[in-house]
Amino acid sequence: MNEQIRTILAEDGTKTSKIRKLLLLGLTHREIADLVTRGNRGFVWNVYKRMRDEGLIVSAGT
């Protein structure tokens, strides 16, 4: 596992803040779900959707 990912996972921040940082690093929903939410991809999707709506992430379909 990448040192940058380990650092993010070790932070005292919320799950949401960790997910946001991991999404910006380019990890997939599944990878993040396995690392942060015990496989709950729905939670990761909700964070992704909010970031997309805020313009922080460009969706793959556009």
Foldseek 3Di string as FASTA:
>chain_A
DDPVLVVLLPDPDDLLVSLVVVVVVPDDLQVSCVSRVVRPSVVSVVSVVVCVVVVNDPDPVD
